Structure formats: structure tokens, C-alpha cells
Amino acid sequence: MTKQYETVIGLEVHIELATKTKIFCGCSTEFGGTPNTHTCPVCTGMPGSLPVLNKQVVEYAMALGLVTNCRITQVCKFDRKNYFYPDNPQNYQISQLYLPIARDGYVEIEAGNGKKKVRIHEMHMEEDAGKLVHDEWDDTSLVDYNRSGVPLVEIVSEPDMRSADEVIAYLEKLRMIAQYLGVSDCKLQEGSMRADVNLSVREVGAETFGTRTEMKNLNSFKAIAHAIEGERTRQIELLDAGKEVVQETRRWDDNKEHSYAMRSKEDAQDYRYFPEPDLVPIVISDEWIAEVKARQPELRTEKLERYKKEFDIPRYDAEIITESKKMADVFEETTAACGKPKKVANWLMVETLRLMKDHGMEAEDLAFSPVNLAKLIDLVDAGTINSSVAKKVFEKIFTDDVDPEKYVEEKGLKMVNDEGALKETIDKVIASNPQAVADYKGGKEKALGALMGQTMRAMKGKANPGIVTQMLKEMLQD
């Protein structure tokens, strides 16, 4: 009988905090920039330089901890994690081992079998390392320290997840929380959210965990899901062949859809942690926690309740719109500009989602002005343009953020309501389509649609559909 296996997964998620300056110095955290220009003696590890803690980092970490039901460590401190690597300028990383800022929390996810709690073991603050740039032409590696010292929160889960679906649901929940709080944009492609996957398999019913591996270099949800399925299969094949799984760190290659070993990982890797001597402990008072709590913005659950009372849009629409803070912001700003929540929701749920899919975009990438969408909705309601023209105009708003009023005027897209011009066009269409006319008069209602389509094409889509339908019916009765 074939053995049945269960997958056991825990995650280490790094979230880059959206502070304007780094964790221990005043250098910019802005993504990109010419290599080694967002640097100073502190974040490049120069001898004699001293770190000064950015208070905003602590408050962002506290906000994340509170929303994920963690217990805030009211006396916490930093430690040095010692290791040598070219992108680590001090030869140590300032992190938190012994007293992390938050512990023992959870988030609730929905996946497969309904709701499930994924426990959070701990959450700690630390500085990011720099970045190695490999130049294959010269066969050299260059170091960019712009990212060195950018503040991170690392969220370490318990091994509570059992499938790729649960992992993605957990990551999406963390991303949504961070974005709603405004503590991070969580753009995986820019590295502001990164996940390492610890995975093992065991026979169904077994009490003890199997040997785990850690997978790195995962920069999209798709890569994470593929890596989990690939590693699960690899470990099961080893066990079925009577071989052992080796505890190691593996690197996922998304192009080849294959992982390969980077280094073996012992249970206790000796980083020689010791308390950071240049930073005093952080004492977090009850009052400070209360202040951070009081400043928390409206989160998704509150938004859903408010949308139900205030806007009367379908629950399904509200759930999709509020999955992303960016989409919720677009909805609210557009509604504020035109006062038509149901129509705004419809444009977001249908055309916006369609174009996002076509362009391979996420809600965070939306760049058009809500005011321009509001203007478009008003143009349709005023009868200035019809719905088919409106869809084409919205495509230009979506890609180039054009002002729809000016665009409609410049391109001559206003709806034709001139009955004289319409009658002339309909006369030609009736004369050119005797079969469709005969079918309609013979009781085939669909034939009217064919004549309507011909008329709209002849009018280049700018005719008023209501008037065209009415005139066609009247003229076909003669």
C-alpha cells in the first residue's frame, strides 16, 4: 500500500518597513537609486560609527504585532548576529534574538477547509543587508549598500501550514495587514516582502516532524507555490526510495522550476549572538502601546461593515474591493468625487479587474486618478458618451490617466443624438440588409440586434443605443 504523506510548513517572512530613513541612520530607504548613493558611515559599517534607533521602526513593528494578536515585549533589546558575507558591511547584523519586540500571536486565514489560525512564534526588528550584483560579462560580483540598514520586521510562524494554498492565504493576509497599516508596500518584485519556506513531510498520523529544508530566493506567490509543490515531491520521492532527507538550505530557480542545495544547515548554527553594546534596551510603556493602537487606521473588517451601511454595494463586491487597500482607496476617492458607489464598484469589479489581468498587474500598481474615473461615470450618466465608447476611454484612463472630458472632446467621441443623422444611417442599413429586415418582420427578434450592430458600426459606436433601438422599431413597422 502506498504511504500517505502530510506536508508541514513554517515561514520566515521579512517585511521591509516604509520609513523614509533607515533603521539606524538618516539615509534614504527609497528603492532604486544609483548604487551606493543612499549610504553613510553607519550603514556601510565604518569603524567608530554609532547606530541611533529610528523610533518609527519600533512603532511600525508594534502596530504589526498588535494587529496580529501578538504580546508586545515591553522591555526588548537588540543583539548582534555575527557572520561574514560581502553584502554585510559590519560583519554582523543588528537583529533581535533574546527579547524580540512581539511574540505568541496568530492570524486567521481562509483556505480549503474554511478558517484556520496560523500561529506566530515571534516578530523581531532587524537591519537589511546590502545587495550583490553579479556581472557575468566580467565574471565579478559588485556590492550595492543602498539597501544596507533598511528596516525589516521578520515574522516567524509556527509550522502550522499544510499546503501551498494555506501558505499563500497566510502571506496574502500578512501583506493586506501591512498595507492597511501603511507600514509597508509589500512589493515582492522589489524585495519589500520576502519569504523563506521551511518544509518537511511525514507520514499521515505521525507525531514527530520530518527533516526540514529551508528554501530561499522566492520573490512571487507563484514561485512560492511552485517551490512548495516541487520540494514536497522531492522529499516524498527520497523517502519512498528509502533515502534520508538532508537538513539544508536550498535555492529555488523559478525559470527551471527546480531547487538545488546551497548549504547544509545544522540545528544550531552558531552566529555567536551577543547583546548589541551600542544600543540601549527599548522600554515600551502601556501608554505608548495605547498611542499606537489609537493611531491604527480603519482595517478591512471595519471597512466591510461601513461599506454595507454607507454604500449598499453587494457583499461580494465589497470583499473583492477591500482585499487591497489601494483598490479600497480608489473606490472611496472615486465615490467621493461622483457620489455613485454602485457604479464605481461596477467599473472596478468588471473593467478594472479585466485590464489588471490583461496587463499582469496587481492593485498596488494602479496609477490612474480616481477623479478621472468619476468624470467618466458622469459622462455616461449625462448621455455624453455611450457604454461601449466609455470602455474604450477607460482603457486610456487605465494606461495613460487621460482626462476623459478632454479626450472625448479631442477625439470626437460624443454620442450622436441627432435624429436626422441617425434616420439617414438607419435607412441605409435597412436597405442593405433585406434578409434581416424580413426575419424581423417574420417574428425573429434577434434580427433587430443584427440591424442595431450594423447601425452602431456605421455611426462608429457613437450613436445613442436607446434612440437607435427605438427608431429601428418605428421604421421597421412602416
Protein backbone atom coordinates (compact mmCIF):
# COMPACT_ATOMS: atom_id res chain seq x y z
CA MET A 1 0.00 0.00 0.00
CA THR A 2 1.32 3.46 -0.95
CA LYS A 3 2.29 5.61 2.01
CA GLN A 4 0.31 8.81 2.54
CA TYR A 5 2.30 11.92 3.46
CA GLU A 6 1.44 15.20 5.13
CA THR A 7 3.34 18.42 4.39
CA VAL A 8 4.39 20.60 7.34
CA ILE A 9 5.31 24.21 6.56
CA GLY A 10 6.51 27.18 8.59
CA LEU A 11 7.52 30.56 7.17
CA GLU A 12 10.03 33.28 7.92
CA VAL A 13 8.62 36.43 6.32
CA HIS A 14 10.69 39.61 6.00
CA ILE A 15 8.69 42.81 5.59
CA GLU A 16 10.58 45.98 4.67
CA LEU A 17 9.17 48.91 6.65
CA ALA A 18 8.05 52.06 4.82
CA THR A 19 10.07 54.56 6.85
CA LYS A 20 11.68 57.42 4.93
CA THR A 21 15.06 56.75 6.57
CA LYS A 22 16.97 53.63 7.61
CA ILE A 23 16.76 51.90 10.97
CA PHE A 24 20.00 53.27 12.48
CA CYS A 25 20.91 56.30 10.32
CA GLY A 26 19.36 59.12 8.30
CA CYS A 27 19.96 57.64 4.81
CA SER A 28 17.05 57.30 2.38
CA THR A 29 15.22 53.97 2.10
CA GLU A 30 13.90 54.79 -1.39
CA PHE A 31 14.00 51.82 -3.75
CA GLY A 32 16.47 52.06 -6.63
CA GLY A 33 18.89 54.94 -6.92
CA THR A 34 22.45 54.85 -8.21
CA PRO A 35 24.39 52.13 -6.34
CA ASN A 36 25.99 53.22 -3.06
CA THR A 37 24.41 56.70 -3.01
CA HIS A 38 21.96 56.10 -0.14
CA THR A 39 24.81 55.41 2.27
CA CYS A 40 26.80 56.88 5.15
CA PRO A 41 29.48 55.67 7.64
CA VAL A 42 26.83 53.93 9.80
CA CYS A 43 25.15 51.79 7.11
CA THR A 44 28.47 50.96 5.44
CA GLY A 45 29.93 49.77 8.77
CA MET A 46 32.76 52.28 9.12
CA PRO A 47 34.84 51.97 12.32
CA GLY A 48 33.73 54.34 15.06
CA SER A 49 30.24 54.99 13.62
CA LEU A 50 27.35 54.55 16.05
CA PRO A 51 23.75 53.46 15.36
CA VAL A 52 20.79 55.60 16.51
CA LEU A 53 17.41 53.81 16.54
CA ASN A 54 14.61 55.16 14.33
CA LYS A 55 11.53 55.46 16.61
CA GLN A 56 9.15 54.97 13.65
CA VAL A 57 10.56 51.46 13.12
CA VAL A 58 9.54 50.49 16.67
CA GLU A 59 6.05 51.94 16.20
CA TYR A 60 5.52 50.16 12.88
CA ALA A 61 6.68 46.85 14.41
CA MET A 62 4.36 47.40 17.39
CA ALA A 63 1.42 48.13 15.05
CA LEU A 64 2.06 44.87 13.16
CA GLY A 65 2.39 42.95 16.41
CA LEU A 66 -0.87 44.33 17.83
CA VAL A 67 -2.95 43.58 14.72
CA THR A 68 -1.58 40.03 14.54
CA ASN A 69 -2.64 39.37 18.15
CA CYS A 70 0.94 39.26 19.50
CA ARG A 71 2.10 40.06 23.00
CA ILE A 72 4.35 43.14 22.92
CA THR A 73 7.66 42.68 24.76
CA GLN A 74 7.71 45.83 26.89
CA VAL A 75 11.44 45.63 27.56
CA CYS A 76 13.13 44.46 24.37
CA LYS A 77 16.64 44.87 23.03
CA PHE A 78 18.89 44.34 20.02
CA ASP A 79 21.57 41.67 19.54
CA ARG A 80 24.49 41.21 17.15
CA LYS A 81 24.25 38.27 14.77
CA ASN A 82 27.83 37.66 13.65
CA TYR A 83 28.58 36.31 10.20
CA PHE A 84 30.79 37.22 7.25
CA TYR A 85 29.28 37.96 3.87
CA PRO A 86 30.31 40.60 1.30
CA ASP A 87 26.98 42.47 1.45
CA ASN A 88 27.11 42.62 5.27
CA PRO A 89 29.39 45.65 5.85
CA GLN A 90 29.94 45.32 9.62
CA ASN A 91 30.41 41.52 9.52
CA TYR A 92 27.42 41.39 11.86
CA GLN A 93 23.73 42.17 11.58
CA ILE A 94 21.86 44.05 14.28
CA SER A 95 18.79 41.91 14.99
CA GLN A 96 16.77 40.59 17.96
CA LEU A 97 17.21 37.09 19.33
CA TYR A 98 16.65 37.02 23.08
CA LEU A 99 13.94 39.66 23.52
CA PRO A 100 12.09 40.22 20.19
CA ILE A 101 9.50 43.01 20.08
CA ALA A 102 6.47 40.69 19.77
CA ARG A 103 5.62 37.05 20.41
CA ASP A 104 2.83 34.47 20.56
CA GLY A 105 0.35 35.87 18.06
CA TYR A 106 -1.75 34.48 15.23
CA VAL A 107 -3.58 35.41 12.06
CA GLU A 108 -6.74 33.77 10.80
CA ILE A 109 -6.77 32.57 7.20
CA GLU A 110 -9.39 31.07 4.91
CA ALA A 111 -8.16 28.21 2.74
CA GLY A 112 -9.59 24.91 1.58
CA ASN A 113 -11.40 23.67 4.67
CA GLY A 114 -12.59 27.04 5.99
CA LYS A 115 -10.98 29.22 8.65
CA LYS A 116 -7.73 28.33 10.37
CA LYS A 117 -5.37 30.06 12.79
CA VAL A 118 -1.70 30.22 11.87
CA ARG A 119 0.33 30.93 14.99
CA ILE A 120 3.14 33.49 15.02
CA HIS A 121 6.08 32.39 17.15
CA GLU A 122 7.76 35.79 17.19
CA MET A 123 8.33 39.04 15.36
CA HIS A 124 11.63 40.89 15.50
CA MET A 125 13.19 44.06 14.13
CA GLU A 126 16.47 43.99 12.23
CA GLU A 127 18.50 45.76 9.56
CA ASP A 128 18.65 44.53 5.98
CA ALA A 129 21.94 43.66 4.28
CA GLY A 130 23.18 45.18 1.02
CA LYS A 131 22.82 43.52 -2.35
CA LEU A 132 25.30 41.61 -4.51
CA VAL A 133 25.14 42.34 -8.23
CA HIS A 134 26.71 39.60 -10.34
CA ASP A 135 28.31 40.80 -13.58
CA GLU A 136 28.50 37.74 -15.83
CA TRP A 137 30.36 39.64 -18.54
CA ASP A 138 33.32 40.46 -16.28
CA ASP A 139 32.78 37.39 -14.07
CA THR A 140 32.75 39.63 -10.99
CA SER A 141 30.39 40.45 -8.14
CA LEU A 142 29.73 44.06 -7.12
CA VAL A 143 28.18 45.27 -3.87
CA ASP A 144 25.44 47.90 -3.59
CA TYR A 145 24.94 49.08 0.02
CA ASN A 146 21.83 51.21 -0.69
CA ARG A 147 19.65 48.56 0.97
CA SER A 148 22.04 48.04 3.88
CA GLY A 149 20.33 49.28 7.05
CA VAL A 150 16.81 49.38 5.59
CA PRO A 151 14.49 48.38 8.46
CA LEU A 152 12.89 44.94 8.44
CA VAL A 153 10.42 43.07 10.59
CA GLU A 154 10.87 39.31 10.44
CA ILE A 155 7.72 37.33 11.23
CA VAL A 156 8.41 33.71 12.21
CA SER A 157 5.38 31.41 12.10
CA GLU A 158 4.86 28.10 13.83
CA PRO A 159 4.84 25.06 11.48
CA ASP A 160 1.04 25.25 11.17
CA MET A 161 0.53 25.27 7.39
CA ARG A 162 -0.12 22.10 5.44
CA SER A 163 -0.34 23.18 1.78
CA ALA A 164 0.73 25.80 -0.75
CA ASP A 165 -2.82 27.22 -0.65
CA GLU A 166 -2.57 27.82 3.10
CA VAL A 167 0.86 29.44 2.69
CA ILE A 168 -0.41 31.84 0.01
CA ALA A 169 -3.50 32.68 2.12
CA TYR A 170 -1.21 33.44 5.10
CA LEU A 171 1.11 35.62 3.02
CA GLU A 172 -1.80 37.48 1.45
CA LYS A 173 -3.23 38.13 4.91
CA LEU A 174 0.10 39.49 6.20
CA ARG A 175 0.50 41.64 3.09
CA MET A 176 -3.01 43.05 3.43
CA ILE A 177 -2.46 43.85 7.13
CA ALA A 178 0.87 45.61 6.44
CA GLN A 179 -0.60 47.62 3.56
CA TYR A 180 -3.69 48.67 5.53
CA LEU A 181 -1.48 49.77 8.43
CA GLY A 182 0.73 51.69 5.98
CA VAL A 183 3.85 50.05 7.41
CA SER A 184 4.99 48.54 4.07
CA ASP A 185 4.02 48.39 0.40
CA CYS A 186 4.93 44.66 0.41
CA LYS A 187 6.04 44.59 -3.24
CA LEU A 188 7.56 41.15 -3.73
CA GLN A 189 9.18 42.17 -7.02
CA GLU A 190 11.11 44.96 -5.22
CA GLY A 191 12.02 42.72 -2.29
CA SER A 192 9.97 44.62 0.29
CA MET A 193 8.28 41.32 1.19
CA ARG A 194 10.32 38.13 1.14
CA ALA A 195 9.58 34.65 2.41
CA ASP A 196 11.76 31.68 3.29
CA VAL A 197 9.88 28.37 3.40
CA ASN A 198 10.72 25.67 5.95
CA LEU A 199 9.17 22.43 4.75
CA SER A 200 9.15 18.80 5.81
CA VAL A 201 6.95 15.78 5.13
CA ARG A 202 5.82 13.00 7.44
CA GLU A 203 3.53 10.01 7.19
CA VAL A 204 -0.09 10.86 7.89
CA GLY A 205 -0.75 10.22 11.60
CA ALA A 206 2.91 10.56 12.65
CA GLU A 207 3.54 12.60 15.79
CA THR A 208 7.07 13.81 15.08
CA PHE A 209 8.11 16.17 12.31
CA GLY A 210 10.24 15.03 9.41
CA THR A 211 13.61 16.59 8.48
CA ARG A 212 13.03 20.09 7.15
CA THR A 213 14.70 22.09 4.43
CA GLU A 214 14.67 25.86 4.02
CA MET A 215 14.03 27.39 0.60
CA LYS A 216 15.21 30.86 -0.34
CA ASN A 217 15.05 33.15 -3.41
CA LEU A 218 11.25 33.20 -3.56
CA ASN A 219 10.07 36.53 -4.97
CA SER A 220 6.49 35.87 -6.08
CA PHE A 221 3.47 33.97 -4.78
CA LYS A 222 3.60 31.81 -7.91
CA ALA A 223 7.27 30.91 -7.23
CA ILE A 224 6.42 30.09 -3.59
CA ALA A 225 3.56 27.77 -4.61
CA HIS A 226 5.73 26.03 -7.25
CA ALA A 227 8.65 25.67 -4.82
CA ILE A 228 6.42 24.08 -2.16
CA GLU A 229 4.98 21.54 -4.61
CA GLY A 230 8.45 20.81 -6.03
CA GLU A 231 10.10 20.33 -2.62
CA ARG A 232 7.22 18.22 -1.27
CA THR A 233 7.54 15.90 -4.29
CA ARG A 234 11.35 15.74 -3.96
CA GLN A 235 11.21 14.77 -0.26
CA ILE A 236 8.49 12.14 -0.78
CA GLU A 237 10.48 10.56 -3.63
CA LEU A 238 13.56 10.35 -1.36
CA LEU A 239 11.59 8.72 1.49
CA ASP A 240 9.86 6.26 -0.85
CA ALA A 241 13.27 5.27 -2.20
CA GLY A 242 14.45 4.56 1.36
CA LYS A 243 16.76 7.59 1.44
CA GLU A 244 17.05 10.33 4.03
CA VAL A 245 16.15 13.98 3.64
CA VAL A 246 19.17 16.15 4.45
CA GLN A 247 18.60 19.29 6.52
CA GLU A 248 19.87 22.06 4.25
CA THR A 249 19.16 25.42 2.70
CA ARG A 250 18.01 25.17 -0.91
CA ARG A 251 17.71 27.80 -3.60
CA TRP A 252 14.67 27.82 -5.89
CA ASP A 253 15.20 28.54 -9.59
CA ASP A 254 11.82 29.70 -10.90
CA ASN A 255 12.89 29.54 -14.56
CA LYS A 256 13.93 25.89 -14.31
CA GLU A 257 11.26 25.12 -11.67
CA HIS A 258 13.90 23.26 -9.71
CA SER A 259 15.65 23.72 -6.35
CA TYR A 260 19.26 22.92 -5.57
CA ALA A 261 21.27 22.72 -2.37
CA MET A 262 23.10 25.86 -1.22
CA ARG A 263 24.50 24.72 2.12
CA SER A 264 23.82 22.17 4.84
CA LYS A 265 22.14 23.61 7.90
CA GLU A 266 22.82 22.23 11.34
CA ASP A 267 20.18 22.54 14.06
CA ALA A 268 22.23 25.11 15.94
CA GLN A 269 24.10 27.34 13.53
CA ASP A 270 26.48 29.39 15.68
CA TYR A 271 26.04 33.06 14.91
CA ARG A 272 27.67 33.98 18.26
CA TYR A 273 24.82 36.29 19.21
CA PHE A 274 25.52 38.76 21.97
CA PRO A 275 23.73 41.91 23.19
CA GLU A 276 24.29 44.94 20.91
CA PRO A 277 26.57 47.17 23.03
CA ASP A 278 25.84 50.40 21.12
CA LEU A 279 22.06 50.42 21.68
CA VAL A 280 20.17 50.69 24.97
CA PRO A 281 17.15 48.45 25.67
CA ILE A 282 13.76 49.74 24.48
CA VAL A 283 11.21 50.26 27.23
CA ILE A 284 7.67 50.25 25.87
CA SER A 285 5.10 51.72 28.28
CA ASP A 286 1.39 50.89 28.39
CA GLU A 287 0.76 54.49 27.29
CA TRP A 288 2.96 54.08 24.21
CA ILE A 289 1.10 50.88 23.22
CA ALA A 290 -2.22 52.71 23.70
CA GLU A 291 -0.99 55.58 21.47
CA VAL A 292 -0.01 53.19 18.66
CA LYS A 293 -3.36 51.39 18.98
CA ALA A 294 -5.26 54.69 18.83
CA ARG A 295 -3.49 55.67 15.60
CA GLN A 296 -4.36 52.45 13.81
CA PRO A 297 -6.29 53.15 10.59
CA GLU A 298 -9.56 51.50 9.61
CA LEU A 299 -8.81 47.86 8.79
CA ARG A 300 -10.59 45.58 6.34
CA THR A 301 -13.21 44.19 8.75
CA GLU A 302 -14.31 47.71 9.73
CA LYS A 303 -14.35 48.78 6.07
CA LEU A 304 -16.63 45.88 5.14
CA GLU A 305 -19.12 46.87 7.84
CA ARG A 306 -19.03 50.53 6.82
CA TYR A 307 -19.42 49.76 3.10
CA LYS A 308 -22.55 47.73 3.90
CA LYS A 309 -24.15 50.61 5.82
CA GLU A 310 -22.84 53.55 3.79
CA PHE A 311 -22.71 52.38 0.17
CA ASP A 312 -25.15 49.45 -0.15
CA ILE A 313 -22.94 47.54 -2.61
CA PRO A 314 -23.05 43.72 -2.84
CA ARG A 315 -21.07 41.92 -0.14
CA TYR A 316 -19.07 40.03 -2.79
CA ASP A 317 -18.03 43.31 -4.45
CA ALA A 318 -17.06 44.81 -1.09
CA GLU A 319 -14.92 41.76 -0.25
CA ILE A 320 -13.02 41.94 -3.57
CA ILE A 321 -12.55 45.72 -3.36
CA THR A 322 -11.28 45.63 0.25
CA GLU A 323 -8.82 42.77 -0.36
CA SER A 324 -6.38 45.52 -1.34
CA LYS A 325 -6.05 48.85 0.44
CA LYS A 326 -5.14 50.50 -2.86
CA MET A 327 -8.37 49.28 -4.51
CA ALA A 328 -10.38 50.37 -1.46
CA ASP A 329 -8.77 53.84 -1.65
CA VAL A 330 -9.61 54.13 -5.37
CA PHE A 331 -13.22 53.11 -4.65
CA GLU A 332 -13.64 55.63 -1.83
CA GLU A 333 -11.97 58.53 -3.65
CA THR A 334 -13.95 57.90 -6.87
CA THR A 335 -17.21 57.65 -4.90
CA ALA A 336 -16.41 60.88 -3.06
CA ALA A 337 -15.92 62.61 -6.44
CA CYS A 338 -19.11 61.38 -8.16
CA GLY A 339 -21.38 60.10 -5.37
CA LYS A 340 -22.29 56.88 -7.26
CA PRO A 341 -20.89 53.95 -5.23
CA LYS A 342 -22.71 51.16 -7.10
CA LYS A 343 -21.47 52.38 -10.48
CA VAL A 344 -17.93 52.87 -9.14
CA ALA A 345 -17.95 49.31 -7.74
CA ASN A 346 -19.16 48.00 -11.11
CA TRP A 347 -16.31 49.75 -13.01
CA LEU A 348 -13.75 48.37 -10.56
CA MET A 349 -15.16 44.84 -10.49
CA VAL A 350 -15.52 44.46 -14.26
CA GLU A 351 -13.30 46.71 -16.40
CA THR A 352 -10.55 47.45 -13.87
CA LEU A 353 -10.07 43.78 -12.90
CA ARG A 354 -10.13 42.77 -16.59
CA LEU A 355 -7.43 45.28 -17.52
CA MET A 356 -5.34 44.36 -14.47
CA LYS A 357 -5.42 40.73 -15.63
CA ASP A 358 -4.57 41.69 -19.23
CA HIS A 359 -1.58 43.78 -18.08
CA GLY A 360 -0.42 41.30 -15.40
CA MET A 361 -0.85 43.95 -12.70
CA GLU A 362 -1.81 43.95 -9.05
CA ALA A 363 -3.99 46.56 -7.35
CA GLU A 364 -0.90 48.26 -5.88
CA ASP A 365 0.23 49.08 -9.44
CA LEU A 366 -2.91 51.08 -10.28
CA ALA A 367 -1.85 54.58 -11.28
CA PHE A 368 -4.93 56.30 -12.69
CA SER A 369 -6.64 59.17 -10.87
CA PRO A 370 -9.95 58.33 -9.16
CA VAL A 371 -11.17 61.76 -10.30
CA ASN A 372 -10.82 60.69 -13.94
CA LEU A 373 -12.88 57.54 -13.34
CA ALA A 374 -15.53 59.68 -11.60
CA LYS A 375 -15.61 62.04 -14.61
CA LEU A 376 -16.07 59.06 -16.96
CA ILE A 377 -19.02 57.76 -14.92
CA ASP A 378 -20.59 61.24 -15.04
CA LEU A 379 -20.10 61.43 -18.83
CA VAL A 380 -22.01 58.14 -19.29
CA ASP A 381 -24.80 59.23 -16.91
CA ALA A 382 -25.15 62.56 -18.73
CA GLY A 383 -25.57 60.74 -22.05
CA THR A 384 -22.43 62.40 -23.44
CA ILE A 385 -20.92 59.00 -24.38
CA ASN A 386 -22.39 55.52 -24.53
CA SER A 387 -21.15 52.49 -22.58
CA SER A 388 -19.10 50.95 -25.43
CA VAL A 389 -17.21 54.23 -26.01
CA ALA A 390 -16.81 54.58 -22.23
CA LYS A 391 -14.99 51.20 -22.09
CA LYS A 392 -12.53 52.35 -24.75
CA VAL A 393 -11.97 55.68 -22.98
CA PHE A 394 -11.41 53.84 -19.69
CA GLU A 395 -8.62 51.80 -21.31
CA LYS A 396 -6.83 55.12 -21.98
CA ILE A 397 -7.51 56.28 -18.41
CA PHE A 398 -6.14 52.96 -17.11
CA THR A 399 -2.91 53.10 -19.12
CA ASP A 400 -2.27 56.86 -19.52
CA ASP A 401 -4.56 58.51 -16.93
CA VAL A 402 -6.11 60.79 -19.57
CA ASP A 403 -8.75 63.37 -18.62
CA PRO A 404 -11.88 61.75 -20.14
CA GLU A 405 -13.65 65.07 -20.76
CA LYS A 406 -10.76 66.42 -22.84
CA TYR A 407 -10.13 63.05 -24.53
CA VAL A 408 -13.78 62.66 -25.60
CA GLU A 409 -13.80 66.23 -26.96
CA GLU A 410 -10.48 65.89 -28.82
CA LYS A 411 -11.34 62.52 -30.38
CA GLY A 412 -14.93 63.48 -31.29
CA LEU A 413 -16.43 60.63 -29.29
CA LYS A 414 -19.57 62.36 -28.05
CA MET A 415 -22.76 60.40 -28.53
CA VAL A 416 -24.82 61.28 -31.61
CA ASN A 417 -28.42 62.08 -30.62
CA ASP A 418 -29.26 63.88 -33.88
CA GLU A 419 -32.34 62.01 -35.14
CA GLY A 420 -31.85 63.35 -38.69
CA ALA A 421 -28.34 61.86 -38.96
CA LEU A 422 -29.50 58.64 -37.33
CA LYS A 423 -32.52 58.28 -39.66
CA GLU A 424 -30.28 58.65 -42.71
CA THR A 425 -27.91 55.92 -41.43
CA ILE A 426 -30.76 53.57 -40.43
CA ASP A 427 -32.39 53.99 -43.87
CA LYS A 428 -29.12 52.80 -45.48
CA VAL A 429 -28.78 49.86 -43.06
CA ILE A 430 -32.40 48.73 -43.73
CA ALA A 431 -31.86 49.00 -47.48
CA SER A 432 -28.60 47.00 -47.30
CA ASN A 433 -29.97 44.14 -45.13
CA PRO A 434 -33.25 42.90 -46.68
CA GLN A 435 -32.88 39.41 -45.16
CA ALA A 436 -32.53 40.74 -41.60
CA VAL A 437 -35.50 43.04 -42.19
CA ALA A 438 -37.61 40.11 -43.47
CA ASP A 439 -36.52 37.96 -40.49
CA TYR A 440 -37.51 40.67 -38.01
CA LYS A 441 -40.88 41.22 -39.66
CA GLY A 442 -41.32 37.44 -39.61
CA GLY A 443 -41.04 37.46 -35.81
CA LYS A 444 -37.29 36.85 -35.28
CA GLU A 445 -36.35 39.37 -32.56
CA LYS A 446 -32.63 38.54 -32.89
CA ALA A 447 -32.60 40.14 -36.33
CA LEU A 448 -33.11 43.52 -34.66
CA GLY A 449 -29.76 43.02 -32.90
CA ALA A 450 -28.03 42.47 -36.23
CA LEU A 451 -29.51 45.69 -37.64
CA MET A 452 -28.61 47.52 -34.44
CA GLY A 453 -24.98 46.30 -34.75
CA GLN A 454 -24.77 47.47 -38.36
CA THR A 455 -26.10 50.91 -37.37
CA MET A 456 -23.68 51.29 -34.46
CA ARG A 457 -20.78 50.29 -36.71
CA ALA A 458 -21.85 52.83 -39.33
CA MET A 459 -22.00 55.50 -36.59
CA LYS A 460 -18.53 54.39 -35.33
CA GLY A 461 -20.03 53.37 -31.99
CA LYS A 462 -21.09 56.92 -31.14
CA ALA A 463 -24.86 56.61 -31.54
CA ASN A 464 -27.23 56.54 -28.60
CA PRO A 465 -28.22 52.85 -28.37
CA GLY A 466 -31.61 53.63 -26.84
CA ILE A 467 -32.57 56.04 -29.61
CA VAL A 468 -31.24 53.68 -32.32
CA THR A 469 -33.36 50.78 -30.98
CA GLN A 470 -36.49 52.94 -30.78
CA MET A 471 -36.01 54.38 -34.29
CA LEU A 472 -35.28 50.97 -35.82
CA LYS A 473 -38.51 49.54 -34.39
CA GLU A 474 -40.54 52.51 -35.60
CA MET A 475 -39.00 52.49 -39.11
CA LEU A 476 -39.41 48.70 -39.48
CA GLN A 477 -43.15 48.99 -38.74
CA ASP A 478 -43.70 51.19 -41.82
